Amino acid sequence: MQIHNKKSGITLIALIITIIVLLILAGVSISMTIGKNGLLTKVQKAKELSEISTEEEYVNLIIIDSY
């Protein structure tokens, strides 16, 4: 009976450590996605730069076409 309790204790400690590691990884993932230099910020910048480039290309095509 005592051996069984020791195995349960080790399993409980392993479960707690696993949960803590998963919470840390989830926090890092959320930080990388939403943070100041996160993925969403970079996507927004890329979208804006793409729209600016598209407009510049359109203006250049109009200028070339007018000659």
Protein backbone atom coordinates (compact mmCIF):
# COMPACT_ATOMS: atom_id res chain seq x y z
CA MET A 1 0.00 0.00 0.00
CA GLN A 2 2.85 2.41 0.77
CA ILE A 3 4.55 1.80 -2.58
CA HIS A 4 1.33 2.74 -4.38
CA ASN A 5 1.18 6.08 -2.54
CA LYS A 6 4.74 6.92 -3.57
CA LYS A 7 3.90 6.30 -7.25
CA SER A 8 0.82 8.50 -6.96
CA GLY A 9 2.93 11.27 -5.44
CA ILE A 10 5.46 11.15 -8.25
CA THR A 11 2.66 11.18 -10.81
CA LEU A 12 1.04 14.19 -9.15
CA ILE A 13 4.34 16.10 -9.11
CA ALA A 14 4.93 15.25 -12.79
CA LEU A 15 1.42 16.48 -13.62
CA ILE A 16 1.96 19.77 -11.80
CA ILE A 17 5.32 20.33 -13.51
CA THR A 18 3.77 19.56 -16.89
CA ILE A 19 0.94 22.03 -16.29
CA ILE A 20 3.40 24.75 -15.24
CA VAL A 21 5.53 24.19 -18.36
CA LEU A 22 2.44 24.33 -20.59
CA LEU A 23 1.30 27.58 -18.96
CA ILE A 24 4.73 29.11 -19.53
CA LEU A 25 4.71 28.05 -23.19
CA ALA A 26 1.18 29.40 -23.65
CA GLY A 27 2.28 32.73 -22.18
CA VAL A 28 5.24 32.94 -24.52
CA SER A 29 3.05 32.10 -27.51
CA ILE A 30 0.50 34.77 -26.62
CA SER A 31 3.27 37.28 -26.03
CA MET A 32 4.80 36.56 -29.45
CA THR A 33 1.43 36.87 -31.15
CA ILE A 34 0.00 39.96 -29.51
CA GLY A 35 3.06 41.77 -28.11
CA LYS A 36 4.62 45.04 -29.21
CA ASN A 37 6.81 43.27 -31.76
CA GLY A 38 4.36 40.43 -32.20
CA LEU A 39 3.08 38.65 -35.23
CA LEU A 40 -0.14 40.67 -35.50
CA THR A 41 1.79 43.95 -35.46
CA LYS A 42 4.09 42.75 -38.22
CA VAL A 43 1.14 41.53 -40.28
CA GLN A 44 -0.50 44.96 -39.99
CA LYS A 45 2.73 46.68 -41.10
CA ALA A 46 3.09 44.30 -44.04
CA LYS A 47 -0.49 44.99 -45.08
CA GLU A 48 0.06 48.74 -45.01
CA LEU A 49 3.31 48.48 -46.98
CA SER A 50 1.62 46.25 -49.54
CA GLU A 51 -1.21 48.74 -50.01
CA ILE A 52 1.29 51.61 -50.41
CA SER A 53 3.28 49.63 -52.98
CA THR A 54 0.11 48.79 -54.90
CA GLU A 55 -0.88 52.46 -55.07
CA GLU A 56 2.63 53.48 -56.15
CA GLU A 57 2.59 50.86 -58.88
CA TYR A 58 -0.81 52.08 -60.04
CA VAL A 59 0.43 55.68 -60.21
CA ASN A 60 3.54 54.61 -62.10
CA LEU A 61 1.44 52.70 -64.63
CA ILE A 62 -0.75 55.77 -65.20
CA ILE A 63 2.33 57.96 -65.70
CA ILE A 64 3.87 55.49 -68.17
CA ASP A 65 0.56 55.09 -70.01
CA SER A 66 0.18 58.86 -70.40
CA TYR A 67 3.31 59.14 -72.59
